[in-house]
Protein backbone atom coordinates (compact mmCIF):
# COMPACT_ATOMS: atom_id res chain seq x y z
CA UNK A 1 -3.10 21.79 6.83
CA UNK A 2 -0.88 19.32 8.64
CA UNK A 3 -2.33 16.66 10.91
CA UNK A 4 -2.29 17.85 14.50
CA UNK A 5 0.86 17.23 16.48
CA UNK A 6 0.49 14.35 18.87
CA UNK A 7 -1.68 12.03 16.80
CA UNK A 8 0.12 8.75 17.30
CA UNK A 9 3.61 8.72 18.83
CA UNK A 10 5.28 10.82 16.10
CA UNK A 11 6.19 14.50 16.11
CA UNK A 12 4.54 15.18 12.77
CA UNK A 13 5.67 18.79 12.47
CA UNK A 14 9.31 17.80 12.98
CA UNK A 15 9.05 15.05 10.39
CA UNK A 16 7.76 17.51 7.79
CA UNK A 17 11.05 19.43 7.90
CA UNK A 18 13.90 18.66 5.51
CA UNK A 19 16.38 16.40 7.37
CA UNK A 20 20.15 16.59 6.97
CA UNK A 21 21.03 14.83 3.70
CA UNK A 22 24.29 13.35 2.43
CA UNK A 23 24.49 12.65 -1.29
CA UNK A 24 26.93 9.89 -2.18
CA UNK A 25 29.20 10.60 -5.13
CA UNK A 26 28.54 8.13 -7.91
CA UNK A 27 28.37 7.83 -11.67
CA UNK A 28 25.11 5.94 -11.42
CA UNK A 29 22.01 7.57 -12.82
CA UNK A 30 20.26 6.57 -9.60
CA UNK A 31 21.94 8.38 -6.72
CA UNK A 32 22.56 6.86 -3.26
CA UNK A 33 21.75 9.11 -0.34
CA UNK A 34 21.72 9.05 3.47
CA UNK A 35 19.32 11.16 5.52
CA UNK A 36 18.75 11.42 9.26
CA UNK A 37 16.32 9.08 11.00
CA UNK A 38 15.04 8.91 14.57
CA UNK A 39 17.46 8.29 17.47
CA UNK A 40 17.63 4.63 18.54
CA UNK A 41 19.49 3.05 21.40
CA UNK A 42 21.02 6.37 22.39
CA UNK A 43 22.48 7.15 18.96
CA UNK A 44 21.48 9.11 15.88
CA UNK A 45 20.38 6.88 12.99
CA UNK A 46 20.55 7.48 9.26
CA UNK A 47 18.43 6.09 6.45
CA UNK A 48 19.92 4.83 3.20
CA UNK A 49 17.93 5.50 0.03
CA UNK A 50 18.14 5.67 -3.74
CA UNK A 51 16.92 8.77 -5.55
CA UNK A 52 16.41 9.40 -9.24
CA UNK A 53 14.60 11.89 -11.45
CA UNK A 54 14.15 12.23 -15.21
CA UNK A 55 16.27 14.80 -16.97
CA UNK A 56 14.06 17.60 -18.25
CA UNK A 57 14.80 20.86 -20.02
CA UNK A 58 12.65 22.69 -17.50
CA UNK A 59 9.68 22.45 -15.21
CA UNK A 60 8.99 20.13 -12.32
CA UNK A 61 8.01 16.47 -12.13
CA UNK A 62 5.77 14.53 -9.73
CA UNK A 63 7.38 12.33 -7.10
CA UNK A 64 6.80 8.87 -5.65
CA UNK A 65 7.94 7.42 -2.32
CA UNK A 66 8.61 3.68 -2.60
CA UNK A 67 8.36 1.52 0.53
CA UNK A 68 9.69 -2.04 0.50
CA UNK A 69 8.33 -5.00 2.43
CA UNK A 70 9.79 -7.78 4.56
CA UNK A 71 13.12 -9.05 3.29
CA UNK A 72 13.34 -6.05 1.00
CA UNK A 73 15.67 -3.10 0.69
CA UNK A 74 16.04 0.16 -1.21
CA UNK A 75 15.50 -1.23 -4.72
CA UNK A 76 17.37 0.73 -7.36
CA UNK A 77 15.39 -0.93 -10.15
CA UNK A 78 12.13 0.21 -8.56
CA UNK A 79 13.35 3.81 -8.58
CA UNK A 80 14.40 3.47 -12.21
CA UNK A 81 10.97 2.11 -13.14
CA UNK A 82 9.35 5.30 -11.86
CA UNK A 83 12.01 7.51 -13.42
CA UNK A 84 11.21 5.95 -16.78
CA UNK A 85 7.55 6.83 -16.17
CA UNK A 86 8.55 10.47 -15.73
CA UNK A 87 8.66 10.64 -11.95
CA UNK A 88 11.25 11.53 -9.37
CA UNK A 89 11.37 8.65 -6.90
CA UNK A 90 12.90 7.82 -3.53
CA UNK A 91 13.22 4.25 -2.23
CA UNK A 92 14.54 4.00 1.32
CA UNK A 93 15.83 1.03 3.30
CA UNK A 94 13.88 0.37 6.49
CA UNK A 95 16.10 -2.33 7.98
CA UNK A 96 19.28 -0.34 8.60
CA UNK A 97 21.02 -1.58 5.43
CA UNK A 98 22.84 0.07 2.56
CA UNK A 99 22.48 -0.61 -1.15
CA UNK A 100 24.30 -3.94 -0.87
CA UNK A 101 21.89 -5.18 1.79
CA UNK A 102 24.53 -4.98 4.55
CA UNK A 103 23.92 -3.23 7.88
CA UNK A 104 25.62 0.17 8.00
CA UNK A 105 27.08 1.92 11.05
CA UNK A 106 24.15 4.35 11.47
CA UNK A 107 21.54 1.59 11.41
CA UNK A 108 18.40 1.72 13.50
CA UNK A 109 16.21 -1.29 14.35
CA UNK A 110 16.21 -4.40 12.20
CA UNK A 111 13.17 -5.46 10.26
CA UNK A 112 12.53 -8.66 12.20
CA UNK A 113 9.77 -9.88 14.52
CA UNK A 114 11.79 -8.92 17.59
CA UNK A 115 12.00 -5.29 16.56
CA UNK A 116 8.52 -5.21 15.03
CA UNK A 117 6.69 -6.62 18.04
CA UNK A 118 8.72 -7.49 21.15
CA UNK A 119 10.70 -4.24 21.21
CA UNK A 120 7.59 -2.33 22.23
CA UNK A 121 8.22 -3.64 25.75
CA UNK A 122 10.88 -0.92 25.98
CA UNK A 123 8.48 1.77 24.75
CA UNK A 124 6.85 2.58 21.41
CA UNK A 125 9.92 4.53 20.25
CA UNK A 126 11.95 1.31 20.31
CA UNK A 127 9.65 -0.45 17.84
CA UNK A 128 10.45 -0.82 14.16
CA UNK A 129 7.15 0.69 13.00
CA UNK A 130 7.87 3.92 14.87
CA UNK A 131 11.17 4.32 13.03
CA UNK A 132 9.84 3.13 9.68
CA UNK A 133 6.96 5.61 9.60
CA UNK A 134 9.33 8.42 10.60
CA UNK A 135 11.75 7.38 7.82
CA UNK A 136 8.92 7.49 5.29
CA UNK A 137 7.72 10.95 6.33
CA UNK A 138 11.27 12.25 6.28
CA UNK A 139 11.61 10.62 2.87
CA UNK A 140 8.66 12.72 1.70
CA UNK A 141 10.51 15.76 3.04
CA UNK A 142 13.67 14.80 1.14
CA UNK A 143 11.70 14.34 -2.06
CA UNK A 144 9.78 17.59 -1.63
CA UNK A 145 13.04 19.49 -1.11
CA UNK A 146 14.46 18.61 -4.51
CA UNK A 147 14.28 21.54 -6.97
CA UNK A 148 13.02 19.36 -9.82
CA UNK A 149 10.13 17.92 -7.77
CA UNK A 150 6.66 19.44 -7.61
CA UNK A 151 5.93 19.14 -3.89
CA UNK A 152 2.20 19.39 -4.60
CA UNK A 153 2.33 16.15 -6.63
CA UNK A 154 3.83 13.44 -4.41
CA UNK A 155 2.42 9.96 -3.95
CA UNK A 156 3.39 6.78 -2.14
CA UNK A 157 3.26 3.06 -2.82
CA UNK A 158 4.43 0.21 -0.62
CA UNK A 159 4.56 -3.57 -0.84
CA UNK A 160 3.56 -6.03 1.92
CA UNK A 161 4.94 -4.52 5.15
CA UNK A 162 5.50 -1.48 2.94
CA UNK A 163 1.79 -1.53 2.14
CA UNK A 164 1.05 -1.72 5.86
CA UNK A 165 3.25 1.36 6.38
CA UNK A 166 1.65 3.11 3.40
CA UNK A 167 -1.74 2.78 5.11
CA UNK A 168 -0.36 4.49 8.22
CA UNK A 169 1.43 7.24 6.28
CA UNK A 170 -1.71 7.92 4.23
CA UNK A 171 -3.52 8.86 7.42
CA UNK A 172 -0.69 10.98 8.84
CA UNK A 173 0.91 12.92 6.00
CA UNK A 174 -1.41 15.24 4.05
CA UNK A 175 1.44 16.16 1.68
CA UNK A 176 0.73 12.84 -0.04
CA UNK A 177 -1.74 13.13 -2.90
CA UNK A 178 -2.30 9.41 -3.48
CA UNK A 179 -1.43 6.09 -1.88
CA UNK A 180 -1.16 2.56 -3.27
CA UNK A 181 -0.81 -0.12 -0.59
CA UNK A 182 -0.02 -3.47 -2.21
CA UNK A 183 -1.10 -6.46 -0.08
CA UNK A 184 -0.68 -4.54 3.18
CA UNK A 185 -3.65 -3.44 5.30
CA UNK A 186 -4.83 -3.09 8.89
CA UNK A 187 -6.72 -5.17 11.43
CA UNK A 188 -3.71 -7.48 11.72
CA UNK A 189 -4.84 -8.56 15.18
CA UNK A 190 -8.14 -9.88 13.77
CA UNK A 191 -6.81 -11.88 10.84
CA UNK A 192 -3.33 -11.88 9.34
CA UNK A 193 -0.16 -13.94 9.28
CA UNK A 194 0.86 -12.25 12.56
CA UNK A 195 -2.09 -13.21 14.74
CA UNK A 196 -0.03 -15.99 16.47
CA UNK A 197 2.73 -13.50 17.33
CA UNK A 198 0.29 -10.92 18.66
CA UNK A 199 -1.55 -13.53 20.71
CA UNK A 200 1.68 -14.56 22.44
CA UNK A 201 2.52 -11.01 23.53
CA UNK A 202 1.72 -9.91 27.09
CA UNK A 203 -1.74 -8.35 27.05
CA UNK A 204 -0.60 -4.83 27.89
CA UNK A 205 2.05 -4.90 25.16
CA UNK A 206 -0.35 -6.44 22.67
CA UNK A 207 -2.96 -3.74 23.35
CA UNK A 208 -0.34 -1.00 23.09
CA UNK A 209 0.94 -2.37 19.76
CA UNK A 210 -2.56 -2.55 18.27
CA UNK A 211 -3.54 0.92 19.49
CA UNK A 212 -0.29 2.47 18.29
CA UNK A 213 0.80 0.56 15.20
CA UNK A 214 -2.17 -1.16 13.60
CA UNK A 215 -3.16 0.79 10.44
CA UNK A 216 -6.85 0.54 11.39
CA UNK A 217 -6.29 3.57 13.65
CA UNK A 218 -4.93 5.72 10.82
CA UNK A 219 -6.84 4.67 7.69
CA UNK A 220 -9.92 6.53 8.93
CA UNK A 221 -7.95 9.78 8.39
CA UNK A 222 -6.82 8.90 4.86
CA UNK A 223 -8.80 11.34 2.73
CA UNK A 224 -6.53 11.04 -0.31
CA UNK A 225 -7.29 8.73 -3.28
CA UNK A 226 -6.08 5.17 -2.66
CA UNK A 227 -5.64 2.18 -4.95
CA UNK A 228 -5.83 -1.11 -3.03
CA UNK A 229 -3.95 -3.95 -4.75
CA UNK A 230 -4.06 -7.52 -3.45
CA UNK A 231 -4.59 -11.16 -4.35
CA UNK A 232 -7.47 -13.37 -3.32
CA UNK A 233 -5.18 -15.85 -1.58
CA UNK A 234 -2.55 -13.65 -0.01
CA UNK A 235 -0.88 -15.54 2.83
CA UNK A 236 -0.31 -12.44 4.97
CA UNK A 237 -3.20 -10.03 4.42
CA UNK A 238 -6.50 -11.91 3.93
CA UNK A 239 -9.55 -10.47 2.23
CA UNK A 240 -11.62 -10.01 5.40
CA UNK A 241 -9.09 -7.70 7.09
CA UNK A 242 -8.46 -6.13 3.69
CA UNK A 243 -12.14 -5.27 3.18
CA UNK A 244 -12.44 -3.79 6.68
CA UNK A 245 -9.38 -1.66 5.92
CA UNK A 246 -10.51 -0.14 2.65
CA UNK A 247 -14.05 0.34 3.94
CA UNK A 248 -12.60 2.39 6.80
CA UNK A 249 -10.87 4.80 4.39
CA UNK A 250 -12.96 7.98 3.88
CA UNK A 251 -11.23 9.14 0.70
CA UNK A 252 -11.84 7.91 -2.87
CA UNK A 253 -10.81 4.28 -3.28
CA UNK A 254 -10.25 1.93 -6.19
CA UNK A 255 -9.82 -1.83 -5.81
CA UNK A 256 -7.65 -4.14 -7.86
CA UNK A 257 -8.03 -7.67 -6.46
CA UNK A 258 -6.57 -10.46 -8.59
CA UNK A 259 -7.24 -14.17 -8.26
CA UNK A 260 -4.05 -15.90 -7.15
CA UNK A 261 -1.78 -12.83 -7.27
CA UNK A 262 1.76 -13.82 -6.28
CA UNK A 263 3.22 -12.18 -3.16
CA UNK A 264 6.60 -10.48 -3.66
CA UNK A 265 8.36 -7.25 -4.49
CA UNK A 266 8.50 -7.61 -8.26
CA UNK A 267 4.88 -8.86 -8.49
CA UNK A 268 3.98 -5.99 -6.17
CA UNK A 269 5.40 -3.21 -8.30
CA UNK A 270 4.50 -4.77 -11.67
CA UNK A 271 0.71 -4.12 -11.93
CA UNK A 272 -0.02 -1.69 -14.74
CA UNK A 273 -2.83 -0.21 -12.66
CA UNK A 274 -0.35 1.43 -10.26
CA UNK A 275 1.29 3.62 -12.89
CA UNK A 276 -2.05 4.50 -14.46
CA UNK A 277 -3.47 5.47 -11.06
CA UNK A 278 -0.46 7.69 -10.35
CA UNK A 279 -0.76 9.38 -13.75
CA UNK A 280 -4.49 9.84 -13.16
CA UNK A 281 -3.96 11.87 -9.99
CA UNK A 282 -0.52 13.43 -10.50
CA UNK A 283 -0.38 14.03 -14.26
CA UNK A 284 -4.00 14.39 -15.37
CA UNK A 285 -3.78 11.02 -17.09
CA UNK A 286 -6.71 8.95 -18.36
CA UNK A 287 -8.26 7.44 -15.23
CA UNK A 288 -8.78 3.84 -14.32
CA UNK A 289 -12.31 2.54 -14.91
CA UNK A 290 -14.66 2.93 -11.98
CA UNK A 291 -16.96 0.07 -11.02
CA UNK A 292 -19.81 0.53 -8.57
CA UNK A 293 -21.06 -1.71 -5.78
CA UNK A 294 -22.68 -4.97 -6.90
CA UNK A 295 -26.43 -5.50 -6.73
CA UNK A 296 -27.75 -9.03 -6.31
CA UNK A 297 -31.24 -10.14 -7.28
CA UNK A 298 -31.88 -13.85 -6.90
CA UNK A 299 -29.09 -15.51 -8.91
CA UNK A 300 -28.18 -12.42 -10.90
CA UNK A 301 -25.40 -9.99 -9.96
CA UNK A 302 -25.02 -6.59 -11.63
CA UNK A 303 -22.62 -3.65 -11.31
CA UNK A 304 -22.57 -0.31 -13.09
CA UNK A 305 -19.28 1.18 -14.26
CA UNK A 306 -17.78 4.31 -15.78
CA UNK A 307 -14.80 4.28 -18.10
CA UNK A 308 -12.98 6.63 -20.45
CA UNK A 309 -11.46 3.61 -22.16
CA UNK A 310 -12.96 0.58 -23.86
CA UNK A 311 -13.77 -2.37 -21.61
CA UNK A 312 -12.49 -5.53 -23.26
CA UNK A 313 -13.15 -8.13 -20.57
CA UNK A 314 -15.34 -8.74 -17.54
CA UNK A 315 -15.41 -11.65 -15.13
CA UNK A 316 -17.14 -13.10 -12.09
CA UNK A 317 -14.89 -14.66 -9.45
CA UNK A 318 -16.33 -17.06 -6.88
CA UNK A 319 -15.38 -19.46 -4.13
CA UNK A 320 -17.61 -21.73 -2.09
CA UNK A 321 -14.79 -22.72 0.26
CA UNK A 322 -15.06 -21.69 3.90
CA UNK A 323 -11.57 -22.42 5.24
CA UNK A 324 -8.70 -19.97 5.72
CA UNK A 325 -8.67 -17.33 2.98
CA UNK A 326 -5.23 -18.26 1.60
CA UNK A 327 -6.41 -21.85 0.99
CA UNK A 328 -9.68 -21.15 -0.81
CA UNK A 329 -10.02 -22.15 -4.45
CA UNK A 330 -11.52 -19.58 -6.79
CA UNK A 331 -13.30 -20.03 -10.10
CA UNK A 332 -13.47 -17.28 -12.71
CA UNK A 333 -16.08 -17.13 -15.46
CA UNK A 334 -16.76 -14.48 -18.13
CA UNK A 335 -19.33 -11.82 -17.29
CA UNK A 336 -21.49 -9.95 -19.79
CA UNK A 337 -21.01 -6.26 -20.55
CA UNK A 338 -24.15 -4.46 -21.72
CA UNK A 339 -23.79 -0.72 -22.09
CA UNK A 340 -22.34 0.52 -18.80
CA UNK A 341 -23.33 -2.51 -16.77
CA UNK A 342 -21.74 -5.87 -16.00
CA UNK A 343 -24.00 -8.89 -15.51
CA UNK A 344 -23.30 -12.43 -14.33
CA UNK A 345 -25.20 -15.41 -13.00
CA UNK A 346 -24.09 -16.79 -9.67
CA UNK A 347 -23.41 -20.51 -9.28
CA UNK A 348 -25.74 -22.54 -7.09
CA UNK A 349 -23.17 -23.34 -4.40
CA UNK A 350 -23.80 -21.88 -0.95
CA UNK A 351 -22.17 -20.34 1.00
CA UNK A 352 -20.48 -18.23 -1.67
CA UNK A 353 -17.97 -15.39 -1.87
CA UNK A 354 -17.90 -13.44 -5.12
CA UNK A 355 -16.81 -10.23 -6.84
CA UNK A 356 -16.71 -8.75 -10.36
CA UNK A 357 -13.84 -7.31 -12.37
CA UNK A 358 -13.57 -5.33 -15.58
CA UNK A 359 -10.47 -4.88 -17.72
CA UNK A 360 -9.89 -2.06 -20.18
CA UNK A 361 -7.94 -1.83 -23.43
CA UNK A 362 -4.76 -0.91 -21.52
CA UNK A 363 -4.93 -4.17 -19.57
CA UNK A 364 -5.94 -2.32 -16.39
CA UNK A 365 -8.33 -4.22 -14.10
CA UNK A 366 -10.55 -2.89 -11.33
CA UNK A 367 -12.76 -4.93 -9.04
CA UNK A 368 -15.80 -4.59 -6.82
CA UNK A 369 -15.79 -5.31 -3.14
CA UNK A 370 -16.38 -8.99 -2.47
CA UNK A 371 -19.72 -10.16 -1.09
CA UNK A 372 -20.43 -13.18 1.05
CA UNK A 373 -23.67 -15.12 0.58
CA UNK A 374 -24.75 -17.32 3.47
CA UNK A 375 -26.33 -20.78 3.06
CA UNK A 376 -29.78 -19.20 3.39
CA UNK A 377 -29.03 -16.68 0.61
CA UNK A 378 -28.38 -13.59 2.73
CA UNK A 379 -25.68 -11.14 1.65
CA UNK A 380 -22.96 -10.01 4.04
């Protein structure tokens, strides 16, 4: 059943319909395409995208919607990566550009701070997020309309601002069967790289932006499986807002937090866990390991896990720094695997932030939620 019409500023029923599509003639294996977006500035807009699907003798394949971040575009190589995995994939441009990165004549809002934040002064339908979410949902409609695509097996992944948008789409579009936000999350007004911008906005506009476009208002409706991928020191989406975001999600969630993960498009689509997670839910593939919540008793931390694959490595990751999350220094030490449990001894430093990870024979890593231990030994 579709989400009810009127949740948020979007006409969800309209966005679920196949938009007008123009396929661009090309000899490339990955096909350029334009499809209709939302009107902007009194004119009809169009969205540029790349589409590709594996050539099969018969049957249908799962699909993935690929959402770029700031400074990004419709990446042809990203589409090809998923095609090689056996998926149909659509990567759209959300800044009004074509495949060369140049603005085209049907462009909507730019992907800059003016259009992301200040434009809301003219109404929510002027803001970049309004148009970007609509472009994503119409992208799902384009993908679902292709004869080689199984419309019951479509997922989404997005990087940075694309991860932010993925969190919103996951709560709006029940056609999606999984979501993988990389870096991006909600609660941007509480802690993120954009707090200074939000604080400078007039109060009424700031409140409207948060209530309309912060993912925290949509994640609570995301009942689909989600894989949350981030680094401990991400400059844009810190671990406190990140934890609040994934804890707000009611559906099944898996965490993959990496110490010092680089922020960027290629680092954001490279993690092996993303493909495995998609195969797990869209192709009946061998699932990622599952690690339970940590239990702490005095200086000992323990977590149970389940895995269909061999666990080859486990680690404890800690920081005793208390400054901004991007500046904290982390230390990683081996943890002990005994049966289906991971054990580690906490260092003496207090306060302390810590979490556990396990890695399987495929090189896939999953992590626990992080815990914070106060100077008096209490866990938060």
